[in-house]
Each structure stands twice: as structure tokens, then as C-alpha cells.
């Protein structure tokens, strides 16, 4: 039995290093904001209009699978300590892959749309094109919709998203402002503008827009997570935790806040958040794995060993 325990701990140590490398590879060298990527990978909706991908949390799946196998190998109990990907209402009918169309000899430019159909038909076509990553064509359709009906705020809002995908942030801001003028109380437009401001480093303005969006849609997880991300950049981690928790519950709130604190190099505060996560879910694999690494990195060898033992027994 002692030999089995030693083998299990050795395997966990190896996995910890491998998982750390995996985590780093998954959250660096990618398009988009690193913090938003991390939170999104953990199963929390962020951004303007992004894919609600199926298949659950990649990080948690990688983390939990080996330990489920250990339980079977060493006669453990049920897998009642694993994290679950949170479900959310599909409040946004359009999804976007962050890729712009390139017109060249292999992919020639599409024909320009005509004004023969009404604004809503162009809006529907623009949504479909934007969802498939055909950004140039989406901009053409959405521009047509907006010109045919200047009061169609959704067309302007999605046009802002399309311009953001192209890196044309000034045009995106103009489009969002036109959308807000058409409908000042539209939470999704305010969210899109707020996330655009966040991505461009205008964090105070982002918080202002996202707070207003959250007042209009107090249960919208995407808006709350975006607000928390912007608050993190302003160093308001307590406020960020509250909004992460409003969006996904206390455990998710603690883990999201912790991982951003860790990325910012604030190890002591990250440890406190991971420890708080363990109080909510004592067998949280993510919290234990990160605590083992952080304790070790900060010279707390005994606590690191305790966390590793808990992982092995999980």
C-alpha cells in the first residue's frame, strides 16, 4: 500500500509539471486578451459575441481525468470533487469566429450586396457571415442594413463587433455609439462597447459601460465576467471577485480571481483565493494543483506536500 501511495505521488508530481506547461501553452501565444482567454477556458463566457463552444472545460478535463483514473486504480470513491462547466442561456443568437476574410487569388472578393432587400434581411445575412468569420462580407451586409434603417441599433452593434475583429477600433467605437444612440438601454451593445474599450486598454471607461450593462441585465454572465476582467485591470480584485461569483457562483468566482492574480504575479493573494476555493470544494483539483505549485514556489514546502497528498488521495 505504501508503494502504491509513493507511485501515485510521483505520477501526480509529473502531471503537475505537465499541466503547468499545458496551461501556459493554452493561454499564451493566442489572439485576444490573455485574461479573457483564461477565464473563457475555465468555462466562463466573456467578450462581445463569442462561440459558446461545447465539450466543457479543456483545462478541467485534462486536470481531472488522471485523478479519476487514480481512484479506479487505488480503489477510491466517486468523482464528487470535479468541477462542472457552467451552463448559460443562449441569449445571443449570433456567434463569431475571430478570423477575417482575406481577398486574394485563392479567395476572391464576394460580390457586393444590393439594396433590393430590406434592412432586416441584410442584418440576418450579416449575422450569418460574421458567425462564419467572413468579416468583409459581413461588414458590407451590416452597413447596408444600417444605411437602410438608421434606427436598427443591432446592425450598428454587430458592425462594431465586425470592425473590432478587423482591428479597426475607431470605426468600431463609432458604430457602437450609433447603436447606443438608437437604443441607449440595450445591454448587449453596452457590453460590446465595454469589452472593446477593455481590449484597447481603456479600463475605466470599460467599467463604466459594463456597470451600466450589468444594471440593465443583472443576470447576464458574459457582462458580469467582462466587468470583473476590467476591474481586475484596475486592481479592484474584491469587486472583480463579486462579479465573477455573481456570474458563476462562489467557487468559479474564487478560481477566476485566483488565476488572474497568479498571472499578475500576486502569489500571496492568489493563494488566499485558492484556499477560499478549497473551503467551498475541498477536493477541487484545480485549486489543489495550483496551491501545490504556488506553495512550492514560495518556499512553503510542507503545505506543498500536503496539497500533493490531497491530490493523490483525490
C-alpha atoms as a PDB file:
ATOM      1  CA  UNK A   1       0.000   0.000   0.000  1.00  0.00           C
ATOM      2  CA  UNK A   2       2.853   2.369   0.861  1.00  0.00           C
ATOM      3  CA  UNK A   3       4.438   1.611  -2.504  1.00  0.00           C
ATOM      4  CA  UNK A   4       1.197   2.453  -4.287  1.00  0.00           C
ATOM      5  CA  UNK A   5       0.998   5.782  -2.456  1.00  0.00           C
ATOM      6  CA  UNK A   6       4.574   6.684  -3.399  1.00  0.00           C
ATOM      7  CA  UNK A   7       3.902   5.812  -7.051  1.00  0.00           C
ATOM      8  CA  UNK A   8       0.717   7.905  -7.032  1.00  0.00           C
ATOM      9  CA  UNK A   9       2.515  10.935  -5.597  1.00  0.00           C
ATOM     10  CA  UNK A  10       5.300  10.592  -8.173  1.00  0.00           C
ATOM     11  CA  UNK A  11       2.783  10.450 -11.002  1.00  0.00           C
ATOM     12  CA  UNK A  12       0.939  13.488  -9.624  1.00  0.00           C
ATOM     13  CA  UNK A  13       4.195  15.458  -9.483  1.00  0.00           C
ATOM     14  CA  UNK A  14       4.906  14.589 -13.102  1.00  0.00           C
ATOM     15  CA  UNK A  15       1.380  15.573 -14.095  1.00  0.00           C
ATOM     16  CA  UNK A  16       1.622  18.859 -12.222  1.00  0.00           C
ATOM     17  CA  UNK A  17       4.610  19.919 -14.303  1.00  0.00           C
ATOM     18  CA  UNK A  18       2.904  18.728 -17.475  1.00  0.00           C
ATOM     19  CA  UNK A  19      -0.338  20.504 -16.639  1.00  0.00           C
ATOM     20  CA  UNK A  20       1.529  23.724 -15.861  1.00  0.00           C
ATOM     21  CA  UNK A  21       3.141  23.568 -19.294  1.00  0.00           C
ATOM     22  CA  UNK A  22      -0.229  22.805 -20.877  1.00  0.00           C
ATOM     23  CA  UNK A  23      -1.848  25.734 -19.066  1.00  0.00           C
ATOM     24  CA  UNK A  24       0.912  28.053 -20.269  1.00  0.00           C
ATOM     25  CA  UNK A  25       0.619  26.845 -23.845  1.00  0.00           C
ATOM     26  CA  UNK A  26      -3.166  27.233 -23.809  1.00  0.00           C
ATOM     27  CA  UNK A  27      -3.139  30.823 -22.538  1.00  0.00           C
ATOM     28  CA  UNK A  28      -0.174  32.371 -24.341  1.00  0.00           C
ATOM     29  CA  UNK A  29       0.547  32.919 -27.992  1.00  0.00           C
ATOM     30  CA  UNK A  30      -3.162  33.262 -28.764  1.00  0.00           C
ATOM     31  CA  UNK A  31      -5.281  36.019 -30.215  1.00  0.00           C
ATOM     32  CA  UNK A  32      -7.278  38.102 -27.779  1.00  0.00           C
ATOM     33  CA  UNK A  33      -6.815  39.207 -24.197  1.00  0.00           C
ATOM     34  CA  UNK A  34      -4.876  36.647 -22.076  1.00  0.00           C
ATOM     35  CA  UNK A  35      -7.093  37.082 -19.006  1.00  0.00           C
ATOM     36  CA  UNK A  36     -10.255  36.693 -21.077  1.00  0.00           C
ATOM     37  CA  UNK A  37      -8.761  33.562 -22.697  1.00  0.00           C
ATOM     38  CA  UNK A  38      -8.001  32.046 -19.287  1.00  0.00           C
ATOM     39  CA  UNK A  39     -11.462  32.784 -17.901  1.00  0.00           C
ATOM     40  CA  UNK A  40     -13.101  31.549 -21.105  1.00  0.00           C
ATOM     41  CA  UNK A  41     -11.084  28.309 -20.997  1.00  0.00           C
ATOM     42  CA  UNK A  42     -12.359  27.806 -17.447  1.00  0.00           C
ATOM     43  CA  UNK A  43     -15.905  27.724 -18.813  1.00  0.00           C
ATOM     44  CA  UNK A  44     -16.997  31.341 -18.188  1.00  0.00           C
ATOM     45  CA  UNK A  45     -18.492  33.388 -21.020  1.00  0.00           C
ATOM     46  CA  UNK A  46     -16.561  36.569 -21.875  1.00  0.00           C
ATOM     47  CA  UNK A  47     -16.284  39.022 -24.750  1.00  0.00           C
ATOM     48  CA  UNK A  48     -18.819  40.534 -27.101  1.00  0.00           C
ATOM     49  CA  UNK A  49     -20.323  37.843 -29.287  1.00  0.00           C
ATOM     50  CA  UNK A  50     -18.232  34.700 -28.978  1.00  0.00           C
ATOM     51  CA  UNK A  51     -18.714  31.000 -29.550  1.00  0.00           C
ATOM     52  CA  UNK A  52     -20.449  29.047 -26.811  1.00  0.00           C
ATOM     53  CA  UNK A  53     -18.329  26.001 -27.553  1.00  0.00           C
ATOM     54  CA  UNK A  54     -19.479  22.570 -26.487  1.00  0.00           C
ATOM     55  CA  UNK A  55     -17.300  19.999 -24.812  1.00  0.00           C
ATOM     56  CA  UNK A  56     -16.727  21.593 -21.447  1.00  0.00           C
ATOM     57  CA  UNK A  57     -13.675  22.995 -19.781  1.00  0.00           C
ATOM     58  CA  UNK A  58     -10.493  21.764 -21.502  1.00  0.00           C
ATOM     59  CA  UNK A  59      -8.284  22.593 -18.523  1.00  0.00           C
ATOM     60  CA  UNK A  60     -10.531  20.838 -16.015  1.00  0.00           C
ATOM     61  CA  UNK A  61     -10.863  17.789 -18.260  1.00  0.00           C
ATOM     62  CA  UNK A  62      -7.072  17.471 -18.521  1.00  0.00           C
ATOM     63  CA  UNK A  63      -6.708  18.014 -14.783  1.00  0.00           C
ATOM     64  CA  UNK A  64      -9.419  15.652 -13.605  1.00  0.00           C
ATOM     65  CA  UNK A  65      -9.050  12.683 -15.957  1.00  0.00           C
ATOM     66  CA  UNK A  66      -5.805  11.312 -14.411  1.00  0.00           C
ATOM     67  CA  UNK A  67      -7.206  11.559 -10.890  1.00  0.00           C
ATOM     68  CA  UNK A  68     -10.385   9.754 -11.852  1.00  0.00           C
ATOM     69  CA  UNK A  69      -8.109   7.008 -13.174  1.00  0.00           C
ATOM     70  CA  UNK A  70      -6.153   7.009  -9.883  1.00  0.00           C
ATOM     71  CA  UNK A  71      -9.353   6.484  -7.938  1.00  0.00           C
ATOM     72  CA  UNK A  72     -10.170   3.419 -10.010  1.00  0.00           C
ATOM     73  CA  UNK A  73      -6.586   2.148  -9.759  1.00  0.00           C
ATOM     74  CA  UNK A  74      -6.304   2.608  -5.992  1.00  0.00           C
ATOM     75  CA  UNK A  75      -9.899   1.840  -5.017  1.00  0.00           C
ATOM     76  CA  UNK A  76     -11.111   5.394  -4.496  1.00  0.00           C
ATOM     77  CA  UNK A  77     -14.693   6.598  -4.261  1.00  0.00           C
ATOM     78  CA  UNK A  78     -16.942   8.568  -6.549  1.00  0.00           C
ATOM     79  CA  UNK A  79     -15.816  11.580  -8.538  1.00  0.00           C
ATOM     80  CA  UNK A  80     -17.711  14.114  -6.438  1.00  0.00           C
ATOM     81  CA  UNK A  81     -14.948  16.712  -6.383  1.00  0.00           C
ATOM     82  CA  UNK A  82     -14.689  17.588 -10.042  1.00  0.00           C
ATOM     83  CA  UNK A  83     -15.623  20.965 -11.482  1.00  0.00           C
ATOM     84  CA  UNK A  84     -18.540  21.193 -13.868  1.00  0.00           C
ATOM     85  CA  UNK A  85     -18.750  23.531 -16.808  1.00  0.00           C
ATOM     86  CA  UNK A  86     -21.483  26.043 -16.062  1.00  0.00           C
ATOM     87  CA  UNK A  87     -24.457  26.240 -18.438  1.00  0.00           C
ATOM     88  CA  UNK A  88     -25.888  29.557 -19.589  1.00  0.00           C
ATOM     89  CA  UNK A  89     -28.888  30.728 -21.612  1.00  0.00           C
ATOM     90  CA  UNK A  90     -28.062  31.256 -25.232  1.00  0.00           C
ATOM     91  CA  UNK A  91     -29.107  34.907 -25.100  1.00  0.00           C
ATOM     92  CA  UNK A  92     -27.106  35.839 -28.177  1.00  0.00           C
ATOM     93  CA  UNK A  93     -28.255  34.350 -31.471  1.00  0.00           C
ATOM     94  CA  UNK A  94     -25.017  35.055 -33.295  1.00  0.00           C
ATOM     95  CA  UNK A  95     -21.597  33.528 -32.814  1.00  0.00           C
ATOM     96  CA  UNK A  96     -18.290  34.743 -34.183  1.00  0.00           C
ATOM     97  CA  UNK A  97     -15.025  33.021 -35.023  1.00  0.00           C
ATOM     98  CA  UNK A  98     -12.257  35.582 -34.660  1.00  0.00           C
ATOM     99  CA  UNK A  99     -10.953  35.418 -38.211  1.00  0.00           C
ATOM    100  CA  UNK A 100     -11.022  37.942 -41.033  1.00  0.00           C
ATOM    101  CA  UNK A 101     -11.508  37.002 -44.670  1.00  0.00           C
ATOM    102  CA  UNK A 102      -8.505  37.686 -46.911  1.00  0.00           C
ATOM    103  CA  UNK A 103      -9.244  38.531 -50.531  1.00  0.00           C
ATOM    104  CA  UNK A 104      -6.602  37.143 -52.884  1.00  0.00           C
ATOM    105  CA  UNK A 105      -6.315  34.910 -55.926  1.00  0.00           C
ATOM    106  CA  UNK A 106      -7.441  31.919 -53.858  1.00  0.00           C
ATOM    107  CA  UNK A 107     -10.369  33.644 -52.142  1.00  0.00           C
ATOM    108  CA  UNK A 108     -11.625  36.423 -54.422  1.00  0.00           C
ATOM    109  CA  UNK A 109     -13.817  39.191 -53.052  1.00  0.00           C
ATOM    110  CA  UNK A 110     -17.501  38.424 -52.893  1.00  0.00           C
ATOM    111  CA  UNK A 111     -19.962  40.397 -54.979  1.00  0.00           C
ATOM    112  CA  UNK A 112     -21.354  43.495 -53.302  1.00  0.00           C
ATOM    113  CA  UNK A 113     -24.857  43.143 -51.849  1.00  0.00           C
ATOM    114  CA  UNK A 114     -27.702  45.072 -53.396  1.00  0.00           C
ATOM    115  CA  UNK A 115     -30.188  47.272 -51.577  1.00  0.00           C
ATOM    116  CA  UNK A 116     -33.105  45.331 -53.007  1.00  0.00           C
ATOM    117  CA  UNK A 117     -33.916  43.524 -49.753  1.00  0.00           C
ATOM    118  CA  UNK A 118     -34.986  45.253 -46.589  1.00  0.00           C
ATOM    119  CA  UNK A 119     -32.759  46.146 -43.660  1.00  0.00           C
ATOM    120  CA  UNK A 120     -33.653  43.116 -41.561  1.00  0.00           C
ATOM    121  CA  UNK A 121     -32.722  40.738 -44.383  1.00  0.00           C
ATOM    122  CA  UNK A 122     -29.308  42.401 -44.648  1.00  0.00           C
ATOM    123  CA  UNK A 123     -28.997  42.204 -40.859  1.00  0.00           C
ATOM    124  CA  UNK A 124     -29.731  38.465 -40.914  1.00  0.00           C
ATOM    125  CA  UNK A 125     -27.219  37.932 -43.718  1.00  0.00           C
ATOM    126  CA  UNK A 126     -24.615  39.985 -41.843  1.00  0.00           C
ATOM    127  CA  UNK A 127     -25.080  37.888 -38.701  1.00  0.00           C
ATOM    128  CA  UNK A 128     -24.607  34.670 -40.642  1.00  0.00           C
ATOM    129  CA  UNK A 129     -21.486  35.953 -42.398  1.00  0.00           C
ATOM    130  CA  UNK A 130     -19.999  37.265 -39.157  1.00  0.00           C
ATOM    131  CA  UNK A 131     -20.664  33.947 -37.426  1.00  0.00           C
ATOM    132  CA  UNK A 132     -18.686  32.148 -40.147  1.00  0.00           C
ATOM    133  CA  UNK A 133     -15.751  34.552 -39.994  1.00  0.00           C
ATOM    134  CA  UNK A 134     -16.439  36.224 -43.355  1.00  0.00           C
ATOM    135  CA  UNK A 135     -15.810  39.648 -41.874  1.00  0.00           C
ATOM    136  CA  UNK A 136     -15.516  41.750 -45.047  1.00  0.00           C
ATOM    137  CA  UNK A 137     -18.807  40.473 -46.412  1.00  0.00           C
ATOM    138  CA  UNK A 138     -20.452  40.843 -43.004  1.00  0.00           C
ATOM    139  CA  UNK A 139     -19.397  44.494 -42.886  1.00  0.00           C
ATOM    140  CA  UNK A 140     -20.967  45.047 -46.325  1.00  0.00           C
ATOM    141  CA  UNK A 141     -24.279  43.493 -45.289  1.00  0.00           C
ATOM    142  CA  UNK A 142     -24.425  45.162 -41.878  1.00  0.00           C
ATOM    143  CA  UNK A 143     -23.511  48.549 -43.374  1.00  0.00           C
ATOM    144  CA  UNK A 144     -26.346  48.122 -45.862  1.00  0.00           C
ATOM    145  CA  UNK A 145     -28.762  47.257 -43.048  1.00  0.00           C
ATOM    146  CA  UNK A 146     -27.676  50.305 -41.035  1.00  0.00           C
ATOM    147  CA  UNK A 147     -27.981  52.637 -44.021  1.00  0.00           C
ATOM    148  CA  UNK A 148     -31.460  51.352 -44.904  1.00  0.00           C
ATOM    149  CA  UNK A 149     -32.676  51.708 -41.310  1.00  0.00           C
ATOM    150  CA  UNK A 150     -30.556  54.046 -39.129  1.00  0.00           C
ATOM    151  CA  UNK A 151     -32.741  53.113 -36.134  1.00  0.00           C
ATOM    152  CA  UNK A 152     -31.696  49.463 -36.377  1.00  0.00           C
ATOM    153  CA  UNK A 153     -29.300  49.512 -33.436  1.00  0.00           C
ATOM    154  CA  UNK A 154     -28.460  45.816 -33.667  1.00  0.00           C
ATOM    155  CA  UNK A 155     -26.949  46.310 -37.120  1.00  0.00           C
ATOM    156  CA  UNK A 156     -24.671  49.063 -35.801  1.00  0.00           C
ATOM    157  CA  UNK A 157     -23.731  46.997 -32.741  1.00  0.00           C
ATOM    158  CA  UNK A 158     -22.740  43.977 -34.826  1.00  0.00           C
ATOM    159  CA  UNK A 159     -20.950  46.262 -37.250  1.00  0.00           C
ATOM    160  CA  UNK A 160     -18.869  47.403 -34.275  1.00  0.00           C
ATOM    161  CA  UNK A 161     -18.055  43.774 -33.454  1.00  0.00           C
ATOM    162  CA  UNK A 162     -17.007  43.193 -37.078  1.00  0.00           C
ATOM    163  CA  UNK A 163     -14.765  46.272 -37.124  1.00  0.00           C
ATOM    164  CA  UNK A 164     -13.197  45.134 -33.852  1.00  0.00           C
ATOM    165  CA  UNK A 165     -12.412  41.767 -35.453  1.00  0.00           C
ATOM    166  CA  UNK A 166     -10.630  43.653 -38.234  1.00  0.00           C
ATOM    167  CA  UNK A 167      -8.648  45.763 -35.747  1.00  0.00           C
ATOM    168  CA  UNK A 168     -10.452  48.929 -36.887  1.00  0.00           C
ATOM    169  CA  UNK A 169     -11.236  50.072 -33.370  1.00  0.00           C
ATOM    170  CA  UNK A 170     -12.072  53.714 -34.105  1.00  0.00           C
ATOM    171  CA  UNK A 171     -14.711  52.634 -36.617  1.00  0.00           C
ATOM    172  CA  UNK A 172     -15.956  50.050 -34.127  1.00  0.00           C
ATOM    173  CA  UNK A 173     -16.386  52.723 -31.465  1.00  0.00           C
ATOM    174  CA  UNK A 174     -18.331  54.940 -33.889  1.00  0.00           C
ATOM    175  CA  UNK A 175     -20.622  52.031 -34.755  1.00  0.00           C
ATOM    176  CA  UNK A 176     -21.257  51.231 -31.081  1.00  0.00           C
ATOM    177  CA  UNK A 177     -22.044  54.869 -30.337  1.00  0.00           C
ATOM    178  CA  UNK A 178     -24.540  54.977 -33.220  1.00  0.00           C
ATOM    179  CA  UNK A 179     -26.139  51.815 -31.802  1.00  0.00           C
ATOM    180  CA  UNK A 180     -26.383  53.330 -28.327  1.00  0.00           C
ATOM    181  CA  UNK A 181     -27.931  56.480 -29.773  1.00  0.00           C
ATOM    182  CA  UNK A 182     -30.567  54.288 -31.432  1.00  0.00           C
ATOM    183  CA  UNK A 183     -31.195  52.345 -28.183  1.00  0.00           C
ATOM    184  CA  UNK A 184     -29.494  53.762 -25.056  1.00  0.00           C
ATOM    185  CA  UNK A 185     -30.818  50.917 -22.891  1.00  0.00           C
ATOM    186  CA  UNK A 186     -29.529  47.990 -24.951  1.00  0.00           C
ATOM    187  CA  UNK A 187     -27.383  45.924 -22.567  1.00  0.00           C
ATOM    188  CA  UNK A 188     -25.676  43.890 -25.288  1.00  0.00           C
ATOM    189  CA  UNK A 189     -24.483  46.964 -27.192  1.00  0.00           C
ATOM    190  CA  UNK A 190     -23.140  48.448 -23.960  1.00  0.00           C
ATOM    191  CA  UNK A 191     -21.405  45.131 -23.276  1.00  0.00           C
ATOM    192  CA  UNK A 192     -19.868  45.059 -26.761  1.00  0.00           C
ATOM    193  CA  UNK A 193     -18.612  48.622 -26.390  1.00  0.00           C
ATOM    194  CA  UNK A 194     -17.342  47.939 -22.867  1.00  0.00           C
ATOM    195  CA  UNK A 195     -15.395  44.865 -23.951  1.00  0.00           C
ATOM    196  CA  UNK A 196     -13.970  46.771 -26.921  1.00  0.00           C
ATOM    197  CA  UNK A 197     -12.763  49.515 -24.573  1.00  0.00           C
ATOM    198  CA  UNK A 198     -11.307  46.855 -22.255  1.00  0.00           C
ATOM    199  CA  UNK A 199      -9.380  45.229 -25.103  1.00  0.00           C
ATOM    200  CA  UNK A 200      -7.940  48.605 -26.038  1.00  0.00           C
ATOM    201  CA  UNK A 201      -6.735  49.363 -22.504  1.00  0.00           C
ATOM    202  CA  UNK A 202      -9.388  51.948 -21.637  1.00  0.00           C
ATOM    203  CA  UNK A 203     -10.319  50.160 -18.424  1.00  0.00           C
ATOM    204  CA  UNK A 204     -12.120  52.934 -16.541  1.00  0.00           C
ATOM    205  CA  UNK A 205     -14.408  53.669 -19.487  1.00  0.00           C
ATOM    206  CA  UNK A 206     -14.924  49.918 -19.916  1.00  0.00           C
ATOM    207  CA  UNK A 207     -16.029  49.553 -16.283  1.00  0.00           C
ATOM    208  CA  UNK A 208     -18.416  52.478 -16.683  1.00  0.00           C
ATOM    209  CA  UNK A 209     -20.140  50.940 -19.739  1.00  0.00           C
ATOM    210  CA  UNK A 210     -20.155  47.421 -18.309  1.00  0.00           C
ATOM    211  CA  UNK A 211     -21.629  48.551 -14.986  1.00  0.00           C
ATOM    212  CA  UNK A 212     -24.491  50.153 -16.888  1.00  0.00           C
ATOM    213  CA  UNK A 213     -24.928  46.975 -18.928  1.00  0.00           C
ATOM    214  CA  UNK A 214     -24.982  44.923 -15.709  1.00  0.00           C
ATOM    215  CA  UNK A 215     -27.684  47.147 -14.223  1.00  0.00           C
ATOM    216  CA  UNK A 216     -29.808  46.553 -17.326  1.00  0.00           C
ATOM    217  CA  UNK A 217     -29.102  42.803 -17.429  1.00  0.00           C
ATOM    218  CA  UNK A 218     -28.142  41.800 -13.861  1.00  0.00           C
ATOM    219  CA  UNK A 219     -28.031  38.047 -14.545  1.00  0.00           C
ATOM    220  CA  UNK A 220     -26.082  38.113 -17.823  1.00  0.00           C
ATOM    221  CA  UNK A 221     -22.966  36.031 -17.147  1.00  0.00           C
ATOM    222  CA  UNK A 222     -20.992  37.417 -20.084  1.00  0.00           C
ATOM    223  CA  UNK A 223     -21.492  41.020 -18.987  1.00  0.00           C
ATOM    224  CA  UNK A 224     -20.606  40.255 -15.362  1.00  0.00           C
ATOM    225  CA  UNK A 225     -17.425  38.392 -16.353  1.00  0.00           C
ATOM    226  CA  UNK A 226     -16.356  41.218 -18.663  1.00  0.00           C
ATOM    227  CA  UNK A 227     -16.924  43.708 -15.856  1.00  0.00           C
ATOM    228  CA  UNK A 228     -14.831  41.576 -13.491  1.00  0.00           C
ATOM    229  CA  UNK A 229     -11.992  41.398 -16.050  1.00  0.00           C
ATOM    230  CA  UNK A 230     -11.935  45.181 -16.385  1.00  0.00           C
ATOM    231  CA  UNK A 231     -11.998  45.614 -12.602  1.00  0.00           C
ATOM    232  CA  UNK A 232      -9.007  43.278 -12.302  1.00  0.00           C
ATOM    233  CA  UNK A 233      -7.025  45.569 -14.599  1.00  0.00           C
ATOM    234  CA  UNK A 234      -7.820  48.460 -12.276  1.00  0.00           C
ATOM    235  CA  UNK A 235      -6.620  46.430  -9.266  1.00  0.00           C
ATOM    236  CA  UNK A 236     -10.140  46.130  -7.848  1.00  0.00           C
ATOM    237  CA  UNK A 237      -9.893  42.411  -7.150  1.00  0.00           C
ATOM    238  CA  UNK A 238     -12.566  42.303  -4.428  1.00  0.00           C
ATOM    239  CA  UNK A 239     -15.101  43.886  -6.783  1.00  0.00           C
ATOM    240  CA  UNK A 240     -13.948  41.545  -9.550  1.00  0.00           C
ATOM    241  CA  UNK A 241     -14.480  38.503  -7.328  1.00  0.00           C
ATOM    242  CA  UNK A 242     -18.035  39.626  -6.509  1.00  0.00           C
ATOM    243  CA  UNK A 243     -18.933  39.877 -10.193  1.00  0.00           C
ATOM    244  CA  UNK A 244     -17.226  36.594 -11.126  1.00  0.00           C
ATOM    245  CA  UNK A 245     -19.230  34.984  -8.303  1.00  0.00           C
ATOM    246  CA  UNK A 246     -22.477  36.639  -9.442  1.00  0.00           C
ATOM    247  CA  UNK A 247     -21.842  35.189 -12.883  1.00  0.00           C
ATOM    248  CA  UNK A 248     -20.831  31.649 -11.941  1.00  0.00           C
ATOM    249  CA  UNK A 249     -21.044  31.024  -8.212  1.00  0.00           C
ATOM    250  CA  UNK A 250     -18.545  31.285  -5.365  1.00  0.00           C
ATOM    251  CA  UNK A 251     -16.201  28.505  -6.497  1.00  0.00           C
ATOM    252  CA  UNK A 252     -15.891  29.843 -10.039  1.00  0.00           C
ATOM    253  CA  UNK A 253     -15.503  33.362  -8.673  1.00  0.00           C
ATOM    254  CA  UNK A 254     -12.613  32.319  -6.432  1.00  0.00           C
ATOM    255  CA  UNK A 255     -10.849  30.337  -9.154  1.00  0.00           C
ATOM    256  CA  UNK A 256     -11.215  33.034 -11.818  1.00  0.00           C
ATOM    257  CA  UNK A 257      -9.905  35.712  -9.469  1.00  0.00           C
ATOM    258  CA  UNK A 258      -7.063  33.486  -8.288  1.00  0.00           C
ATOM    259  CA  UNK A 259      -5.790  32.614 -11.740  1.00  0.00           C
ATOM    260  CA  UNK A 260      -5.672  36.277 -12.774  1.00  0.00           C
ATOM    261  CA  UNK A 261      -3.882  37.243  -9.543  1.00  0.00           C
ATOM    262  CA  UNK A 262      -1.404  34.454 -10.215  1.00  0.00           C
ATOM    263  CA  UNK A 263      -0.852  35.684 -13.767  1.00  0.00           C
ATOM    264  CA  UNK A 264      -0.222  39.176 -12.385  1.00  0.00           C
ATOM    265  CA  UNK A 265       2.494  37.793 -10.077  1.00  0.00           C
ATOM    266  CA  UNK A 266       0.469  38.375  -6.902  1.00  0.00           C
ATOM    267  CA  UNK A 267       1.105  34.928  -5.456  1.00  0.00           C
ATOM    268  CA  UNK A 268       0.090  35.639  -1.852  1.00  0.00           C
ATOM    269  CA  UNK A 269      -3.323  36.948  -2.879  1.00  0.00           C
ATOM    270  CA  UNK A 270      -3.769  34.121  -5.379  1.00  0.00           C
ATOM    271  CA  UNK A 271      -3.053  31.577  -2.636  1.00  0.00           C
ATOM    272  CA  UNK A 272      -5.755  33.127  -0.443  1.00  0.00           C
ATOM    273  CA  UNK A 273      -8.288  32.828  -3.268  1.00  0.00           C
ATOM    274  CA  UNK A 274      -7.344  29.194  -3.998  1.00  0.00           C
ATOM    275  CA  UNK A 275      -7.567  28.405  -0.270  1.00  0.00           C
ATOM    276  CA  UNK A 276     -11.007  30.020  -0.188  1.00  0.00           C
ATOM    277  CA  UNK A 277     -11.973  27.876  -3.199  1.00  0.00           C
ATOM    278  CA  UNK A 278     -10.988  24.767  -1.232  1.00  0.00           C
ATOM    279  CA  UNK A 279     -13.322  25.798   1.580  1.00  0.00           C
ATOM    280  CA  UNK A 280     -16.133  25.736  -0.965  1.00  0.00           C
ATOM    281  CA  UNK A 281     -14.973  22.494  -2.584  1.00  0.00           C
ATOM    282  CA  UNK A 282     -12.248  20.737  -0.512  1.00  0.00           C
ATOM    283  CA  UNK A 283     -11.338  18.313  -3.323  1.00  0.00           C
ATOM    284  CA  UNK A 284     -11.133  20.936  -6.074  1.00  0.00           C
ATOM    285  CA  UNK A 285      -8.442  19.558  -8.375  1.00  0.00           C
ATOM    286  CA  UNK A 286      -7.665  22.947  -9.917  1.00  0.00           C
ATOM    287  CA  UNK A 287      -7.255  24.641  -6.514  1.00  0.00           C
ATOM    288  CA  UNK A 288      -5.079  21.818  -5.140  1.00  0.00           C
ATOM    289  CA  UNK A 289      -2.854  21.687  -8.217  1.00  0.00           C
ATOM    290  CA  UNK A 290      -2.256  25.447  -8.251  1.00  0.00           C
ATOM    291  CA  UNK A 291      -1.758  25.571  -4.468  1.00  0.00           C
ATOM    292  CA  UNK A 292       0.874  22.819  -4.664  1.00  0.00           C
ATOM    293  CA  UNK A 293       2.751  24.827  -7.290  1.00  0.00           C
ATOM    294  CA  UNK A 294       2.408  28.185  -5.522  1.00  0.00           C
ATOM    295  CA  UNK A 295       3.349  26.803  -2.099  1.00  0.00           C
ATOM    296  CA  UNK A 296       6.436  25.188  -3.631  1.00  0.00           C
ATOM    297  CA  UNK A 297       7.369  28.362  -5.487  1.00  0.00           C
ATOM    298  CA  UNK A 298       7.100  30.435  -2.317  1.00  0.00           C
ATOM    299  CA  UNK A 299       9.133  28.135  -0.072  1.00  0.00           C
ATOM    300  CA  UNK A 300       6.181  26.586   1.771  1.00  0.00           C
ATOM    301  CA  UNK A 301       7.348  23.003   1.314  1.00  0.00           C
ATOM    302  CA  UNK A 302       5.184  21.406   3.997  1.00  0.00           C
ATOM    303  CA  UNK A 303       1.989  22.929   2.638  1.00  0.00           C
ATOM    304  CA  UNK A 304       3.016  21.989  -0.907  1.00  0.00           C
ATOM    305  CA  UNK A 305       3.418  18.376   0.219  1.00  0.00           C
ATOM    306  CA  UNK A 306       0.023  18.428   1.907  1.00  0.00           C
ATOM    307  CA  UNK A 307      -1.584  19.694  -1.302  1.00  0.00           C
ATOM    308  CA  UNK A 308       0.172  16.985  -3.337  1.00  0.00           C
ATOM    309  CA  UNK A 309      -1.003  14.317  -0.891  1.00  0.00           C
ATOM    310  CA  UNK A 310      -4.550  15.622  -1.190  1.00  0.00           C
ATOM    311  CA  UNK A 311      -4.249  15.403  -4.973  1.00  0.00           C
ATOM    312  CA  UNK A 312      -3.048  11.814  -4.775  1.00  0.00           C
ATOM    313  CA  UNK A 313      -5.919  10.874  -2.474  1.00  0.00           C
ATOM    314  CA  UNK A 314      -8.493  12.771  -4.534  1.00  0.00           C
END
